[in-house]
Amino acid sequence: MAHSTAELSKTLPVDGMSRWNQIAPFSPFSREKFRQLVIAGKAPPAHRLSERCTAYQNRELHRFFADPVNYTAETK
């Protein structure tokens, strides 16, 4: 069964990485609040792919959205 692009955009993939515009529809936070949570270690860390491209690991985003209050970023 083929899925339209609109149908596929309704879910966040489990694997891979996503940029803010791809995760914004799933986030109860503004971009700035999410950035503050990342800095505090209470949201998944951002990965700089280039000077103007930042992305987040989808697996960590799923973990965060499942329980945002108790989420803590894993330290390396």
C-alpha atoms as a PDB file:
ATOM      1  CA  MET A   1       0.000   0.000   0.000  1.00  0.00           C
ATOM      2  CA  ALA A   2       1.479   3.332  -1.036  1.00  0.00           C
ATOM      3  CA  HIS A   3       1.459   6.247   1.384  1.00  0.00           C
ATOM      4  CA  SER A   4       1.148   9.854   0.370  1.00  0.00           C
ATOM      5  CA  THR A   5       3.718  12.408   1.509  1.00  0.00           C
ATOM      6  CA  ALA A   6       1.101  13.983   3.799  1.00  0.00           C
ATOM      7  CA  GLU A   7       0.495  10.638   5.529  1.00  0.00           C
ATOM      8  CA  LEU A   8       4.207  10.016   6.054  1.00  0.00           C
ATOM      9  CA  SER A   9       4.738  13.463   7.559  1.00  0.00           C
ATOM     10  CA  LYS A  10       2.231  12.686  10.331  1.00  0.00           C
ATOM     11  CA  THR A  11       4.755  10.468  12.125  1.00  0.00           C
ATOM     12  CA  LEU A  12       8.328  10.927  13.203  1.00  0.00           C
ATOM     13  CA  PRO A  13      10.580   8.147  11.884  1.00  0.00           C
ATOM     14  CA  VAL A  14      12.150   5.940  14.554  1.00  0.00           C
ATOM     15  CA  ASP A  15      15.597   5.935  12.952  1.00  0.00           C
ATOM     16  CA  GLY A  16      17.657   8.682  11.423  1.00  0.00           C
ATOM     17  CA  MET A  17      17.831  12.348  12.243  1.00  0.00           C
ATOM     18  CA  SER A  18      15.395  15.231  11.928  1.00  0.00           C
ATOM     19  CA  ARG A  19      15.724  18.998  11.804  1.00  0.00           C
ATOM     20  CA  TRP A  20      13.585  21.351  13.907  1.00  0.00           C
ATOM     21  CA  ASN A  21      10.997  21.956  11.168  1.00  0.00           C
ATOM     22  CA  GLN A  22      10.380  18.201  11.002  1.00  0.00           C
ATOM     23  CA  ILE A  23       9.917  17.774  14.758  1.00  0.00           C
ATOM     24  CA  ALA A  24       8.089  21.048  15.505  1.00  0.00           C
ATOM     25  CA  PRO A  25       4.619  19.565  14.819  1.00  0.00           C
ATOM     26  CA  PHE A  26       5.276  16.947  17.539  1.00  0.00           C
ATOM     27  CA  SER A  27       6.792  19.312  20.106  1.00  0.00           C
ATOM     28  CA  PRO A  28       4.716  20.997  22.803  1.00  0.00           C
ATOM     29  CA  PHE A  29       7.560  23.529  23.160  1.00  0.00           C
ATOM     30  CA  SER A  30       8.614  26.537  21.138  1.00  0.00           C
ATOM     31  CA  ARG A  31      11.937  26.365  19.319  1.00  0.00           C
ATOM     32  CA  GLU A  32      13.573  28.596  21.933  1.00  0.00           C
ATOM     33  CA  LYS A  33      12.233  26.607  24.897  1.00  0.00           C
ATOM     34  CA  PHE A  34      13.394  23.361  23.251  1.00  0.00           C
ATOM     35  CA  ARG A  35      16.853  24.922  22.759  1.00  0.00           C
ATOM     36  CA  GLN A  36      16.943  25.863  26.452  1.00  0.00           C
ATOM     37  CA  LEU A  37      15.992  22.292  27.421  1.00  0.00           C
ATOM     38  CA  VAL A  38      18.801  20.946  25.206  1.00  0.00           C
ATOM     39  CA  ILE A  39      21.329  23.237  26.916  1.00  0.00           C
ATOM     40  CA  ALA A  40      20.079  22.095  30.340  1.00  0.00           C
ATOM     41  CA  GLY A  41      20.404  18.413  29.335  1.00  0.00           C
ATOM     42  CA  LYS A  42      16.638  17.912  29.558  1.00  0.00           C
ATOM     43  CA  ALA A  43      16.096  17.353  25.812  1.00  0.00           C
ATOM     44  CA  PRO A  44      18.050  15.398  23.179  1.00  0.00           C
ATOM     45  CA  PRO A  45      21.318  17.065  22.188  1.00  0.00           C
ATOM     46  CA  ALA A  46      21.600  18.789  18.854  1.00  0.00           C
ATOM     47  CA  HIS A  47      24.130  17.576  16.288  1.00  0.00           C
ATOM     48  CA  ARG A  48      25.701  20.196  14.042  1.00  0.00           C
ATOM     49  CA  LEU A  49      25.873  18.699  10.560  1.00  0.00           C
ATOM     50  CA  SER A  50      27.205  21.914   9.047  1.00  0.00           C
ATOM     51  CA  GLU A  51      27.393  25.598   9.887  1.00  0.00           C
ATOM     52  CA  ARG A  52      23.681  26.079   9.153  1.00  0.00           C
ATOM     53  CA  CYS A  53      22.283  22.574   9.676  1.00  0.00           C
ATOM     54  CA  THR A  54      21.415  21.117  13.083  1.00  0.00           C
ATOM     55  CA  ALA A  55      19.597  17.824  13.581  1.00  0.00           C
ATOM     56  CA  TYR A  56      18.414  15.577  16.414  1.00  0.00           C
ATOM     57  CA  GLN A  57      18.501  11.785  16.632  1.00  0.00           C
ATOM     58  CA  ASN A  58      14.992  10.430  16.156  1.00  0.00           C
ATOM     59  CA  ARG A  59      15.405   7.633  18.714  1.00  0.00           C
ATOM     60  CA  GLU A  60      16.247  10.205  21.381  1.00  0.00           C
ATOM     61  CA  LEU A  61      13.349  12.411  20.289  1.00  0.00           C
ATOM     62  CA  HIS A  62      10.946   9.470  20.696  1.00  0.00           C
ATOM     63  CA  ARG A  63      12.372   8.821  24.173  1.00  0.00           C
ATOM     64  CA  PHE A  64      11.965  12.511  25.022  1.00  0.00           C
ATOM     65  CA  PHE A  65       8.390  12.833  23.714  1.00  0.00           C
ATOM     66  CA  ALA A  66       7.348   9.658  25.576  1.00  0.00           C
ATOM     67  CA  ASP A  67       8.227  11.290  28.930  1.00  0.00           C
ATOM     68  CA  PRO A  68       9.477  14.895  28.609  1.00  0.00           C
ATOM     69  CA  VAL A  69       9.290  15.615  32.347  1.00  0.00           C
ATOM     70  CA  ASN A  70      11.628  12.771  33.363  1.00  0.00           C
ATOM     71  CA  TYR A  71      13.925  12.779  30.311  1.00  0.00           C
ATOM     72  CA  THR A  72      17.629  13.350  30.820  1.00  0.00           C
ATOM     73  CA  ALA A  73      20.129  13.357  27.997  1.00  0.00           C
ATOM     74  CA  GLU A  74      22.699  10.578  28.189  1.00  0.00           C
ATOM     75  CA  THR A  75      26.225  11.837  28.728  1.00  0.00           C
ATOM     76  CA  LYS A  76      29.012  10.432  26.596  1.00  0.00           C
END
